[in-house]
Amino acid sequence: MDRIGKLKEFLSANPHDNFVQHALALEYVKIGAEAQARQLFEELLQRDENYIGSYYHLGKLLERTGHSGDALRWYQQGMSRARAAGDRHAYAELQAAWEELEDQ
């Protein structure tokens, strides 16, 4: 079974597994299935706003697909959550992505 099929099987067994949902979204990104990836990232972040790694990947996806305003908003939300969680590394990555996009 392919990676996407296996991840979908895992997610079917546990629909609220953030790690699996994030991994599935990343697999969709790899194959260019942006709409599916975006939906998974957004659902995950609506359910768990503290899954900080998804903010960066969702923002990058939105940048690539021409949704810069949405990307900036997700980066800002991610920076806020990273700051609240004390995750300096994630905050720095999100801030760098936000600044790079803002400067364009």
N, C-alpha and C. Protein backbone atom coordinates (compact mmCIF):
# COMPACT_ATOMS: atom_id res chain seq x y z
N MET A 1 0.85 -1.18 0.00
CA MET A 1 0.00 0.00 0.00
C MET A 1 0.90 1.24 0.00
N ASP A 2 0.50 2.25 -0.74
CA ASP A 2 1.28 3.48 -0.80
C ASP A 2 1.17 4.27 0.51
N ARG A 3 2.03 5.26 0.65
CA ARG A 3 2.07 6.06 1.88
C ARG A 3 0.74 6.76 2.16
N ILE A 4 0.16 7.36 1.12
CA ILE A 4 -1.10 8.07 1.30
C ILE A 4 -2.19 7.10 1.74
N GLY A 5 -2.26 5.96 1.11
CA GLY A 5 -3.26 4.96 1.48
C GLY A 5 -3.10 4.51 2.92
N LYS A 6 -1.86 4.29 3.33
CA LYS A 6 -1.59 3.84 4.69
C LYS A 6 -1.97 4.93 5.70
N LEU A 7 -1.60 6.17 5.40
CA LEU A 7 -1.94 7.27 6.30
C LEU A 7 -3.45 7.47 6.40
N LYS A 8 -4.14 7.32 5.28
CA LYS A 8 -5.60 7.44 5.30
C LYS A 8 -6.22 6.34 6.15
N GLU A 9 -5.63 5.16 6.08
CA GLU A 9 -6.10 4.04 6.90
C GLU A 9 -5.91 4.35 8.38
N PHE A 10 -4.72 4.86 8.74
CA PHE A 10 -4.46 5.24 10.14
C PHE A 10 -5.42 6.33 10.59
N LEU A 11 -5.66 7.32 9.73
CA LEU A 11 -6.53 8.43 10.08
C LEU A 11 -7.98 7.97 10.21
N SER A 12 -8.35 7.01 9.41
CA SER A 12 -9.70 6.45 9.51
C SER A 12 -9.91 5.78 10.87
N ALA A 13 -8.86 5.12 11.35
CA ALA A 13 -8.93 4.45 12.65
C ALA A 13 -8.93 5.44 13.80
N ASN A 14 -8.28 6.59 13.61
CA ASN A 14 -8.20 7.61 14.65
C ASN A 14 -8.29 8.99 13.99
N PRO A 15 -9.49 9.46 13.72
CA PRO A 15 -9.68 10.70 12.94
C PRO A 15 -9.10 11.97 13.56
N HIS A 16 -8.76 11.95 14.82
CA HIS A 16 -8.22 13.14 15.46
C HIS A 16 -6.74 13.01 15.81
N ASP A 17 -6.04 12.16 15.08
CA ASP A 17 -4.61 11.99 15.29
C ASP A 17 -3.89 13.10 14.52
N ASN A 18 -3.45 14.11 15.24
CA ASN A 18 -2.82 15.28 14.61
C ASN A 18 -1.58 14.92 13.81
N PHE A 19 -0.76 14.04 14.36
CA PHE A 19 0.47 13.66 13.67
C PHE A 19 0.16 13.03 12.32
N VAL A 20 -0.77 12.10 12.30
CA VAL A 20 -1.12 11.42 11.05
C VAL A 20 -1.76 12.40 10.06
N GLN A 21 -2.63 13.27 10.56
CA GLN A 21 -3.27 14.24 9.66
C GLN A 21 -2.23 15.18 9.07
N HIS A 22 -1.30 15.64 9.86
CA HIS A 22 -0.22 16.50 9.38
C HIS A 22 0.62 15.75 8.33
N ALA A 23 0.97 14.51 8.63
CA ALA A 23 1.78 13.71 7.70
C ALA A 23 1.04 13.50 6.37
N LEU A 24 -0.25 13.24 6.44
CA LEU A 24 -1.04 13.05 5.23
C LEU A 24 -1.07 14.34 4.41
N ALA A 25 -1.24 15.47 5.07
CA ALA A 25 -1.23 16.75 4.37
C ALA A 25 0.11 16.96 3.66
N LEU A 26 1.20 16.62 4.31
CA LEU A 26 2.52 16.76 3.69
C LEU A 26 2.66 15.84 2.47
N GLU A 27 2.11 14.66 2.55
CA GLU A 27 2.14 13.75 1.40
C GLU A 27 1.34 14.34 0.23
N TYR A 28 0.22 14.95 0.54
CA TYR A 28 -0.57 15.61 -0.51
C TYR A 28 0.22 16.76 -1.14
N VAL A 29 0.95 17.50 -0.32
CA VAL A 29 1.78 18.58 -0.85
C VAL A 29 2.79 18.01 -1.84
N LYS A 30 3.41 16.90 -1.48
CA LYS A 30 4.43 16.28 -2.34
C LYS A 30 3.90 15.93 -3.72
N ILE A 31 2.65 15.52 -3.80
CA ILE A 31 2.10 15.11 -5.10
C ILE A 31 1.33 16.23 -5.79
N GLY A 32 1.33 17.41 -5.19
CA GLY A 32 0.66 18.55 -5.80
C GLY A 32 -0.83 18.61 -5.59
N ALA A 33 -1.34 17.89 -4.61
CA ALA A 33 -2.77 17.91 -4.29
C ALA A 33 -3.01 19.00 -3.23
N GLU A 34 -2.88 20.25 -3.69
CA GLU A 34 -2.92 21.39 -2.77
C GLU A 34 -4.24 21.53 -2.03
N ALA A 35 -5.35 21.33 -2.72
CA ALA A 35 -6.66 21.50 -2.07
C ALA A 35 -6.84 20.52 -0.91
N GLN A 36 -6.45 19.27 -1.12
CA GLN A 36 -6.56 18.29 -0.05
C GLN A 36 -5.64 18.62 1.11
N ALA A 37 -4.42 19.03 0.78
CA ALA A 37 -3.45 19.39 1.82
C ALA A 37 -3.97 20.58 2.63
N ARG A 38 -4.45 21.60 1.94
CA ARG A 38 -4.95 22.79 2.63
C ARG A 38 -6.10 22.43 3.57
N GLN A 39 -7.01 21.62 3.08
CA GLN A 39 -8.16 21.22 3.91
C GLN A 39 -7.70 20.51 5.18
N LEU A 40 -6.76 19.59 5.04
CA LEU A 40 -6.27 18.85 6.20
C LEU A 40 -5.56 19.76 7.19
N PHE A 41 -4.68 20.65 6.70
CA PHE A 41 -3.99 21.57 7.59
C PHE A 41 -4.99 22.46 8.33
N GLU A 42 -5.96 23.01 7.59
CA GLU A 42 -6.92 23.92 8.22
C GLU A 42 -7.80 23.19 9.24
N GLU A 43 -8.24 21.99 8.91
CA GLU A 43 -9.05 21.21 9.87
C GLU A 43 -8.24 20.92 11.13
N LEU A 44 -6.98 20.55 10.94
CA LEU A 44 -6.13 20.24 12.09
C LEU A 44 -5.98 21.47 12.98
N LEU A 45 -5.70 22.62 12.38
CA LEU A 45 -5.47 23.83 13.17
C LEU A 45 -6.76 24.37 13.79
N GLN A 46 -7.89 24.10 13.20
CA GLN A 46 -9.16 24.49 13.82
C GLN A 46 -9.42 23.62 15.05
N ARG A 47 -9.02 22.37 14.97
CA ARG A 47 -9.23 21.45 16.08
C ARG A 47 -8.18 21.65 17.18
N ASP A 48 -6.93 21.91 16.76
CA ASP A 48 -5.84 22.05 17.73
C ASP A 48 -4.92 23.19 17.29
N GLU A 49 -5.19 24.36 17.81
CA GLU A 49 -4.41 25.54 17.42
C GLU A 49 -2.98 25.49 17.91
N ASN A 50 -2.64 24.52 18.72
CA ASN A 50 -1.28 24.39 19.24
C ASN A 50 -0.41 23.41 18.46
N TYR A 51 -0.91 22.91 17.33
CA TYR A 51 -0.08 22.04 16.48
C TYR A 51 0.73 22.96 15.58
N ILE A 52 1.74 23.57 16.15
CA ILE A 52 2.42 24.72 15.60
C ILE A 52 3.10 24.45 14.25
N GLY A 53 3.63 23.28 14.04
CA GLY A 53 4.32 22.98 12.78
C GLY A 53 3.43 23.13 11.55
N SER A 54 2.15 22.94 11.72
CA SER A 54 1.24 23.02 10.58
C SER A 54 1.07 24.46 10.07
N TYR A 55 1.27 25.44 10.92
CA TYR A 55 1.13 26.84 10.48
C TYR A 55 2.14 27.15 9.37
N TYR A 56 3.37 26.72 9.58
CA TYR A 56 4.42 26.99 8.60
C TYR A 56 4.11 26.31 7.27
N HIS A 57 3.77 25.04 7.33
CA HIS A 57 3.53 24.29 6.09
C HIS A 57 2.29 24.80 5.36
N LEU A 58 1.25 25.16 6.11
CA LEU A 58 0.07 25.73 5.48
C LEU A 58 0.41 27.07 4.84
N GLY A 59 1.16 27.89 5.53
CA GLY A 59 1.56 29.18 4.97
C GLY A 59 2.35 29.02 3.68
N LYS A 60 3.31 28.11 3.67
CA LYS A 60 4.11 27.88 2.46
C LYS A 60 3.23 27.38 1.31
N LEU A 61 2.29 26.50 1.61
CA LEU A 61 1.36 26.00 0.60
C LEU A 61 0.55 27.17 0.02
N LEU A 62 0.06 28.03 0.89
CA LEU A 62 -0.74 29.16 0.43
C LEU A 62 0.09 30.13 -0.40
N GLU A 63 1.34 30.33 -0.03
CA GLU A 63 2.23 31.18 -0.84
C GLU A 63 2.37 30.61 -2.25
N ARG A 64 2.65 29.32 -2.34
CA ARG A 64 2.86 28.68 -3.65
C ARG A 64 1.61 28.73 -4.52
N THR A 65 0.45 28.76 -3.90
CA THR A 65 -0.79 28.72 -4.67
C THR A 65 -1.39 30.12 -4.87
N GLY A 66 -0.61 31.16 -4.56
CA GLY A 66 -1.04 32.51 -4.84
C GLY A 66 -1.97 33.14 -3.82
N HIS A 67 -2.01 32.62 -2.61
CA HIS A 67 -2.87 33.15 -1.56
C HIS A 67 -2.02 33.80 -0.47
N SER A 68 -1.28 34.83 -0.86
CA SER A 68 -0.32 35.47 0.05
C SER A 68 -0.98 36.06 1.28
N GLY A 69 -2.13 36.70 1.12
CA GLY A 69 -2.82 37.28 2.28
C GLY A 69 -3.19 36.23 3.30
N ASP A 70 -3.70 35.10 2.83
CA ASP A 70 -4.04 34.00 3.74
C ASP A 70 -2.78 33.46 4.41
N ALA A 71 -1.69 33.35 3.64
CA ALA A 71 -0.43 32.85 4.19
C ALA A 71 0.04 33.76 5.32
N LEU A 72 0.00 35.07 5.08
CA LEU A 72 0.43 36.01 6.12
C LEU A 72 -0.39 35.86 7.38
N ARG A 73 -1.71 35.69 7.24
CA ARG A 73 -2.58 35.52 8.42
C ARG A 73 -2.24 34.24 9.18
N TRP A 74 -2.00 33.15 8.46
CA TRP A 74 -1.66 31.90 9.14
C TRP A 74 -0.30 32.00 9.82
N TYR A 75 0.67 32.66 9.16
CA TYR A 75 1.97 32.86 9.82
C TYR A 75 1.80 33.65 11.11
N GLN A 76 1.00 34.71 11.07
CA GLN A 76 0.77 35.52 12.27
C GLN A 76 0.13 34.70 13.38
N GLN A 77 -0.87 33.91 13.03
CA GLN A 77 -1.51 33.05 14.04
C GLN A 77 -0.49 32.07 14.61
N GLY A 78 0.33 31.51 13.74
CA GLY A 78 1.35 30.57 14.20
C GLY A 78 2.36 31.22 15.12
N MET A 79 2.77 32.45 14.78
CA MET A 79 3.71 33.17 15.65
C MET A 79 3.09 33.40 17.03
N SER A 80 1.83 33.76 17.05
CA SER A 80 1.14 33.98 18.32
C SER A 80 1.11 32.70 19.15
N ARG A 81 0.76 31.58 18.52
CA ARG A 81 0.70 30.30 19.24
C ARG A 81 2.10 29.85 19.68
N ALA A 82 3.09 30.04 18.82
CA ALA A 82 4.47 29.65 19.17
C ALA A 82 4.97 30.47 20.36
N ARG A 83 4.66 31.77 20.35
CA ARG A 83 5.07 32.64 21.46
C ARG A 83 4.40 32.16 22.75
N ALA A 84 3.11 31.88 22.68
CA ALA A 84 2.38 31.43 23.87
C ALA A 84 2.93 30.11 24.39
N ALA A 85 3.40 29.25 23.48
CA ALA A 85 3.93 27.95 23.88
C ALA A 85 5.41 28.01 24.28
N GLY A 86 6.02 29.16 24.07
CA GLY A 86 7.44 29.29 24.38
C GLY A 86 8.34 28.57 23.38
N ASP A 87 7.83 28.35 22.17
CA ASP A 87 8.59 27.64 21.14
C ASP A 87 9.32 28.67 20.28
N ARG A 88 10.52 29.02 20.70
CA ARG A 88 11.29 30.06 20.02
C ARG A 88 11.71 29.65 18.62
N HIS A 89 12.04 28.39 18.44
CA HIS A 89 12.47 27.92 17.12
C HIS A 89 11.34 28.07 16.10
N ALA A 90 10.16 27.57 16.45
CA ALA A 90 9.01 27.69 15.54
C ALA A 90 8.66 29.15 15.30
N TYR A 91 8.73 29.96 16.36
CA TYR A 91 8.44 31.39 16.21
C TYR A 91 9.39 32.02 15.20
N ALA A 92 10.67 31.72 15.31
CA ALA A 92 11.67 32.30 14.41
C ALA A 92 11.42 31.87 12.97
N GLU A 93 11.09 30.61 12.76
CA GLU A 93 10.81 30.14 11.39
C GLU A 93 9.58 30.83 10.81
N LEU A 94 8.54 30.92 11.60
CA LEU A 94 7.32 31.58 11.14
C LEU A 94 7.56 33.07 10.89
N GLN A 95 8.31 33.70 11.76
CA GLN A 95 8.60 35.12 11.59
C GLN A 95 9.42 35.35 10.32
N ALA A 96 10.40 34.51 10.06
CA ALA A 96 11.22 34.65 8.86
C ALA A 96 10.36 34.48 7.60
N ALA A 97 9.46 33.50 7.61
CA ALA A 97 8.58 33.29 6.46
C ALA A 97 7.65 34.48 6.28
N TRP A 98 7.11 34.99 7.39
CA TRP A 98 6.22 36.15 7.34
C TRP A 98 6.95 37.37 6.79
N GLU A 99 8.16 37.63 7.30
CA GLU A 99 8.93 38.80 6.86
C GLU A 99 9.29 38.70 5.39
N GLU A 100 9.71 37.52 4.96
CA GLU A 100 10.07 37.32 3.56
C GLU A 100 8.89 37.60 2.64
N LEU A 101 7.72 37.10 3.01
CA LEU A 101 6.53 37.31 2.20
C LEU A 101 6.06 38.76 2.28
N GLU A 102 6.12 39.33 3.45
CA GLU A 102 5.70 40.72 3.64
C GLU A 102 6.54 41.67 2.81
N ASP A 103 7.83 41.36 2.63
CA ASP A 103 8.75 42.22 1.89
C ASP A 103 8.59 42.12 0.38
N GLN A 104 7.81 41.19 -0.09
CA GLN A 104 7.65 41.01 -1.55
C GLN A 104 6.73 42.04 -2.14
